[in-house]
Amino acid sequence: MMVRSGDRPSRRDIARPWYWLLGLTIGIHLVLPAPILATSAPGGGLSALRHHIIWYREPFAELVGLKEIGDQPIRALGSNLLGDIIFWLIIIGLVVALAVAAVEFLRREISTRIPIATAFTGISMLVLLAPYHYQRYIYTSTILGLILAVDGLRTLLKVLKWPRLGLIAAGCIIAIPAAQHTVTTKQSLGYHISYSYTLWGPESPVALELFEAVVDNTDERDVIVYNQARTMNLYTRRRAIQGNNLEMLMSRGDWFAQDRIEDYIQTPMTIDEAQALGLRAVWSNDRFILWRIPEPNVEEIAP
């Protein structure tokens, strides 16, 4: 879409990206084996909104540099008060920027603020309506949120006839958290430059052996319980689920690909416990065991 400076976009121009968004959302829902918004899942949907907003306060503060990981207060340059001030300046700036973007959108104005605010809102809603929460879910939202917060503070103080103060406040919410992590950032940079250890992922030989065993021993309709479900689906084209719930494993899975190294997202189980539950080891290597989950939860595969 080409719009010259000073032009007022038509309603069709404004609506076109929203039509694309709606179409892509419907298409992705039809293609993927699971919905994008798990609003009907336990712990998800609008009922989770308030809980997630409260929970993400500390991870957000950690990502913007106002809090150490763990049970630590929000602080800046050793001061809890300064940390709280900067944190709330970020929130105020973010709210102002979102409000201004909404007004500009309704007035059909051309603004670089609108797409950033739209992306922030859409990604945040995906995160806040999900049934689970992890810090990594808000990585993208944090970057966009800081951009909007800086813009919002400058806009607010410009309206209040304090444009110079707006520049100072916007600079402080970025510079102060960055300054207090200068030493640790330098140390981390030096550590990672000299870091030579290879962390194996799904391309490790033992993992590839597992995926080959899954393809050879399972049916295309089977469900594999594995601690990295998306990886299993990608490498084997089998349906896969993950979780650390024994009832889920026994009732919804056909096979259990067990990692011998304990993982928080994997159902804890010893070999003796697995055999006591009726699981049958079909294949194994130094890292993984592929268990067949017993009847009546699965149907035997015809030869």
Protein backbone atom coordinates (compact mmCIF):
# COMPACT_ATOMS: atom_id res chain seq x y z
CA MET A 1 0.00 0.00 0.00
CA MET A 2 1.48 3.33 -1.11
CA VAL A 3 0.43 6.44 0.78
CA ARG A 4 1.96 9.84 0.09
CA SER A 5 2.84 12.19 2.94
CA GLY A 6 -0.22 14.26 3.84
CA ASP A 7 -2.70 11.78 2.31
CA ARG A 8 -5.57 10.52 4.42
CA PRO A 9 -5.90 6.74 4.05
CA SER A 10 -9.27 5.36 3.09
CA ARG A 11 -11.21 2.94 5.24
CA ARG A 12 -10.33 0.21 2.75
CA ASP A 13 -6.61 0.93 3.18
CA ILE A 14 -6.96 0.72 6.95
CA ALA A 15 -9.07 -2.42 6.84
CA ARG A 16 -6.86 -4.34 4.39
CA PRO A 17 -4.20 -5.52 6.92
CA TRP A 18 -6.95 -6.51 9.34
CA TYR A 19 -8.58 -8.64 6.64
CA TRP A 20 -5.22 -10.33 6.08
CA LEU A 21 -4.81 -10.87 9.83
CA LEU A 22 -8.26 -12.44 10.10
CA GLY A 23 -7.66 -14.66 7.07
CA LEU A 24 -4.25 -15.81 8.28
CA THR A 25 -5.63 -16.53 11.75
CA ILE A 26 -8.41 -18.69 10.34
CA GLY A 27 -5.98 -20.43 7.99
CA ILE A 28 -3.47 -21.19 10.74
CA HIS A 29 -6.23 -22.54 12.97
CA LEU A 30 -7.28 -24.92 10.20
CA VAL A 31 -3.73 -26.07 9.42
CA LEU A 32 -2.27 -26.51 12.91
CA PRO A 33 -3.21 -29.48 15.13
CA ALA A 34 -3.89 -27.10 18.03
CA PRO A 35 -5.48 -23.64 18.29
CA ILE A 36 -3.42 -20.46 18.61
CA LEU A 37 -5.58 -19.23 21.47
CA ALA A 38 -6.28 -22.06 23.92
CA THR A 39 -9.12 -20.10 25.52
CA SER A 40 -11.07 -23.23 26.41
CA ALA A 41 -8.13 -24.96 28.14
CA PRO A 42 -8.08 -25.04 31.95
CA GLY A 43 -6.29 -21.95 33.21
CA GLY A 44 -6.58 -20.11 29.90
CA GLY A 45 -8.86 -17.49 28.37
CA LEU A 46 -10.11 -14.25 29.88
CA SER A 47 -10.18 -15.80 33.35
CA ALA A 48 -6.37 -15.99 33.24
CA LEU A 49 -5.86 -12.37 32.21
CA ARG A 50 -5.56 -10.78 35.66
CA HIS A 51 -3.45 -13.62 37.06
CA HIS A 52 -1.00 -13.48 34.16
CA ILE A 53 -0.67 -9.68 34.28
CA ILE A 54 0.30 -9.92 37.97
CA TRP A 55 2.65 -12.88 37.38
CA TYR A 56 4.49 -11.23 34.47
CA ARG A 57 5.34 -8.13 36.50
CA GLU A 58 8.57 -9.60 37.86
CA PRO A 59 9.73 -11.30 34.62
CA PHE A 60 9.10 -8.02 32.78
CA ALA A 61 11.18 -6.13 35.37
CA GLU A 62 13.98 -8.69 34.95
CA LEU A 63 13.99 -8.31 31.17
CA VAL A 64 14.16 -4.51 31.26
CA GLY A 65 17.07 -4.68 33.72
CA LEU A 66 15.34 -3.57 36.93
CA LYS A 67 15.51 -6.87 38.80
CA GLU A 68 17.86 -9.78 39.32
CA ILE A 69 16.54 -13.26 38.61
CA GLY A 70 14.97 -14.91 41.65
CA ASP A 71 13.47 -13.54 44.84
CA GLN A 72 14.91 -10.05 44.48
CA PRO A 73 13.28 -6.59 44.67
CA ILE A 74 12.87 -4.21 41.76
CA ARG A 75 15.71 -1.70 42.08
CA ALA A 76 17.90 0.66 40.10
CA LEU A 77 21.43 1.70 41.09
CA GLY A 78 20.90 0.06 44.49
CA SER A 79 17.66 1.96 45.23
CA ASN A 80 14.29 0.22 45.50
CA LEU A 81 12.52 3.59 45.21
CA LEU A 82 14.33 4.51 42.01
CA GLY A 83 13.60 1.06 40.63
CA ASP A 84 9.87 1.45 41.33
CA ILE A 85 9.85 4.94 39.79
CA ILE A 86 11.47 3.75 36.56
CA PHE A 87 9.21 0.69 36.42
CA TRP A 88 6.06 2.81 36.69
CA LEU A 89 7.40 5.37 34.23
CA ILE A 90 7.68 2.50 31.74
CA ILE A 91 4.10 1.39 32.46
CA ILE A 92 2.73 4.95 32.21
CA GLY A 93 4.59 5.59 28.96
CA LEU A 94 3.33 2.30 27.55
CA VAL A 95 -0.31 3.05 28.44
CA VAL A 96 -0.08 6.56 26.97
CA ALA A 97 1.45 5.28 23.73
CA LEU A 98 -1.25 2.62 23.34
CA ALA A 99 -3.98 5.20 23.99
CA VAL A 100 -2.50 7.65 21.47
CA ALA A 101 -2.15 4.87 18.89
CA ALA A 102 -5.80 3.93 19.38
CA VAL A 103 -6.90 7.54 18.85
CA GLU A 104 -4.73 7.86 15.75
CA PHE A 105 -6.17 4.65 14.37
CA LEU A 106 -9.76 5.80 14.92
CA ARG A 107 -8.94 9.12 13.27
CA ARG A 108 -7.29 7.29 10.34
CA GLU A 109 -4.00 9.08 10.79
CA ILE A 110 -0.71 7.82 9.37
CA SER A 111 1.64 6.94 12.23
CA THR A 112 4.54 4.57 12.82
CA ARG A 113 3.16 4.14 16.33
CA ILE A 114 0.09 2.22 15.14
CA PRO A 115 1.76 -0.95 13.75
CA ILE A 116 4.05 -1.21 16.80
CA ALA A 117 1.10 -0.82 19.17
CA THR A 118 -0.92 -3.33 17.15
CA ALA A 119 1.89 -5.90 17.23
CA PHE A 120 2.42 -5.36 20.97
CA THR A 121 -1.30 -5.75 21.71
CA GLY A 122 -1.73 -8.84 19.55
CA ILE A 123 1.33 -10.65 20.89
CA SER A 124 0.48 -9.72 24.48
CA MET A 125 -3.05 -11.07 24.15
CA LEU A 126 -1.71 -14.37 22.79
CA VAL A 127 0.53 -14.61 25.86
CA LEU A 128 -1.98 -13.44 28.46
CA LEU A 129 -4.79 -15.72 27.29
CA ALA A 130 -2.62 -18.84 27.21
CA PRO A 131 -3.07 -21.41 30.01
CA TYR A 132 0.65 -21.33 30.88
CA HIS A 133 3.19 -18.63 31.63
CA TYR A 134 6.96 -18.47 31.11
CA GLN A 135 9.36 -15.55 31.00
CA ARG A 136 10.39 -16.29 27.42
CA TYR A 137 6.83 -15.73 26.23
CA ILE A 138 7.23 -11.96 26.70
CA TYR A 139 10.62 -11.44 25.03
CA THR A 140 9.08 -9.81 21.95
CA SER A 141 6.47 -7.88 23.94
CA THR A 142 9.18 -6.42 26.18
CA ILE A 143 11.13 -4.93 23.27
CA LEU A 144 8.01 -3.46 21.67
CA GLY A 145 6.81 -2.27 25.08
CA LEU A 146 10.03 -0.34 25.72
CA ILE A 147 9.78 1.34 22.32
CA LEU A 148 6.22 2.39 23.09
CA ALA A 149 7.10 3.47 26.65
CA VAL A 150 9.81 5.84 25.42
CA ASP A 151 7.45 7.26 22.81
CA GLY A 152 4.60 7.56 25.32
CA LEU A 153 6.67 9.45 27.91
CA ARG A 154 7.92 11.90 25.31
CA THR A 155 4.38 12.44 24.02
CA LEU A 156 2.90 12.91 27.49
CA LEU A 157 5.48 15.43 28.68
CA LYS A 158 5.34 17.25 25.38
CA VAL A 159 1.60 17.74 25.88
CA LEU A 160 2.34 18.98 29.42
CA LYS A 161 4.75 21.54 27.89
CA TRP A 162 7.81 19.79 29.32
CA PRO A 163 9.41 18.39 26.15
CA ARG A 164 12.96 18.51 27.53
CA LEU A 165 11.89 16.61 30.63
CA GLY A 166 10.29 14.06 28.32
CA LEU A 167 13.64 13.43 26.64
CA ILE A 168 15.34 13.04 30.02
CA ALA A 169 12.68 10.65 31.37
CA ALA A 170 12.70 8.56 28.19
CA GLY A 171 16.49 8.36 28.32
CA CYS A 172 16.52 7.37 31.99
CA ILE A 173 14.26 4.34 31.59
CA ILE A 174 16.75 2.95 29.07
CA ALA A 175 20.10 4.27 30.31
CA ILE A 176 19.83 3.57 34.06
CA PRO A 177 18.92 -0.16 33.81
CA ALA A 178 21.59 -0.58 31.11
CA ALA A 179 24.23 1.22 33.18
CA GLN A 180 23.75 -0.92 36.27
CA HIS A 181 24.39 -4.09 34.23
CA THR A 182 27.50 -2.86 32.44
CA VAL A 183 29.92 -4.96 34.50
CA THR A 184 27.91 -8.19 34.34
CA THR A 185 27.26 -7.70 30.63
CA LYS A 186 31.00 -7.37 30.01
CA GLN A 187 31.65 -10.51 32.04
CA SER A 188 28.94 -12.43 30.17
CA LEU A 189 30.29 -11.30 26.82
CA GLY A 190 33.78 -12.50 27.71
CA TYR A 191 32.40 -15.81 28.95
CA HIS A 192 30.43 -16.53 25.79
CA ILE A 193 33.29 -15.50 23.50
CA SER A 194 35.51 -18.15 25.10
CA TYR A 195 32.69 -20.72 25.51
CA SER A 196 33.56 -23.82 23.45
CA TYR A 197 31.16 -26.48 24.75
CA THR A 198 28.66 -27.87 22.23
CA LEU A 199 25.13 -28.13 23.56
CA TRP A 200 23.46 -30.87 21.54
CA GLY A 201 19.88 -30.42 20.46
CA PRO A 202 17.58 -32.49 18.23
CA GLU A 203 20.42 -33.07 15.74
CA SER A 204 22.48 -35.02 18.27
CA PRO A 205 23.14 -38.63 17.17
CA VAL A 206 21.21 -40.16 20.08
CA ALA A 207 18.17 -37.95 19.39
CA LEU A 208 18.20 -38.80 15.68
CA GLU A 209 18.28 -42.49 16.64
CA LEU A 210 15.15 -41.92 18.74
CA PHE A 211 13.30 -40.18 15.92
CA GLU A 212 14.22 -43.00 13.53
CA ALA A 213 12.96 -45.57 16.05
CA VAL A 214 9.68 -43.67 16.42
CA VAL A 215 9.15 -43.63 12.65
CA ASP A 216 9.99 -47.35 12.37
CA ASN A 217 7.88 -48.59 15.29
CA THR A 218 4.82 -46.34 15.43
CA ASP A 219 1.76 -45.73 13.32
CA GLU A 220 1.08 -42.34 11.74
CA ARG A 221 -2.04 -42.02 13.90
CA ASP A 222 -0.22 -42.65 17.18
CA VAL A 223 0.37 -40.02 19.86
CA ILE A 224 3.88 -39.81 21.28
CA VAL A 225 4.45 -38.47 24.80
CA TYR A 226 7.78 -36.65 24.73
CA ASN A 227 9.32 -33.77 26.66
CA GLN A 228 9.80 -31.75 23.44
CA ALA A 229 6.53 -32.37 21.61
CA ARG A 230 7.05 -29.87 18.80
CA THR A 231 10.47 -31.33 18.03
CA MET A 232 9.02 -34.84 17.89
CA ASN A 233 6.30 -33.66 15.51
CA LEU A 234 8.81 -31.85 13.30
CA TYR A 235 11.23 -34.78 12.97
CA THR A 236 8.76 -37.69 12.80
CA ARG A 237 5.45 -36.16 11.63
CA ARG A 238 3.76 -37.92 14.53
CA ARG A 239 1.28 -36.28 16.83
CA ALA A 240 2.99 -35.52 20.12
CA ILE A 241 2.12 -34.14 23.55
CA GLN A 242 4.26 -33.22 26.53
CA GLY A 243 3.66 -32.92 30.25
CA ASN A 244 4.61 -34.33 33.63
CA ASN A 245 1.22 -35.80 34.48
CA LEU A 246 1.00 -39.58 34.77
CA GLU A 247 -2.74 -39.68 34.12
CA MET A 248 -2.28 -37.70 30.91
CA LEU A 249 0.52 -40.03 29.80
CA MET A 250 -1.50 -43.20 30.36
CA SER A 251 -4.83 -41.95 28.98
CA ARG A 252 -3.78 -39.84 26.00
CA GLY A 253 -0.52 -41.34 24.81
CA ASP A 254 0.19 -44.39 22.66
CA TRP A 255 3.96 -44.29 23.16
CA PHE A 256 6.25 -42.74 25.75
CA ALA A 257 9.66 -41.53 24.52
CA GLN A 258 11.46 -41.25 27.85
CA ASP A 259 14.60 -39.20 28.31
CA ARG A 260 16.92 -40.92 30.77
CA ILE A 261 17.97 -37.45 31.96
CA GLU A 262 15.18 -36.12 34.17
CA ASP A 263 13.33 -33.11 32.81
CA TYR A 264 10.76 -30.94 34.59
CA ILE A 265 8.29 -31.34 31.73
CA GLN A 266 8.60 -35.15 31.66
CA THR A 267 6.66 -37.56 33.87
CA PRO A 268 9.17 -38.84 36.45
CA MET A 269 9.36 -42.61 36.18
CA THR A 270 11.93 -45.32 36.86
CA ILE A 271 12.26 -48.43 34.71
CA ASP A 272 10.71 -50.55 37.48
CA GLU A 273 7.78 -48.15 37.81
CA ALA A 274 7.21 -48.16 34.06
CA GLN A 275 7.17 -51.95 33.94
CA ALA A 276 4.80 -52.07 36.92
CA LEU A 277 2.39 -49.85 34.99
CA GLY A 278 2.50 -52.26 32.07
CA LEU A 279 4.70 -50.21 29.77
CA ARG A 280 6.78 -52.30 27.38
CA ALA A 281 10.23 -51.17 26.24
CA VAL A 282 10.43 -51.51 22.45
CA TRP A 283 13.68 -49.67 21.79
CA SER A 284 16.41 -47.88 23.72
CA ASN A 285 19.83 -46.28 23.44
CA ASP A 286 22.15 -44.58 25.92
CA ARG A 287 19.83 -41.56 26.24
CA PHE A 288 16.24 -42.60 25.45
CA ILE A 289 13.76 -45.43 25.97
CA LEU A 290 10.73 -45.88 23.73
CA TRP A 291 7.88 -47.42 25.73
CA ARG A 292 4.65 -48.87 24.38
CA ILE A 293 1.74 -47.75 26.55
CA PRO A 294 -0.51 -50.73 27.33
CA GLU A 295 -4.13 -51.53 26.61
CA PRO A 296 -6.86 -50.39 27.03
CA ASN A 297 -5.37 -46.97 26.23
CA VAL A 298 -4.13 -47.95 22.77
CA GLU A 299 -5.00 -50.34 19.99
CA GLU A 300 -2.37 -52.75 18.78
CA ILE A 301 -0.93 -51.96 15.38
CA ALA A 302 -1.66 -54.57 12.74
CA PRO A 303 1.49 -56.04 11.21
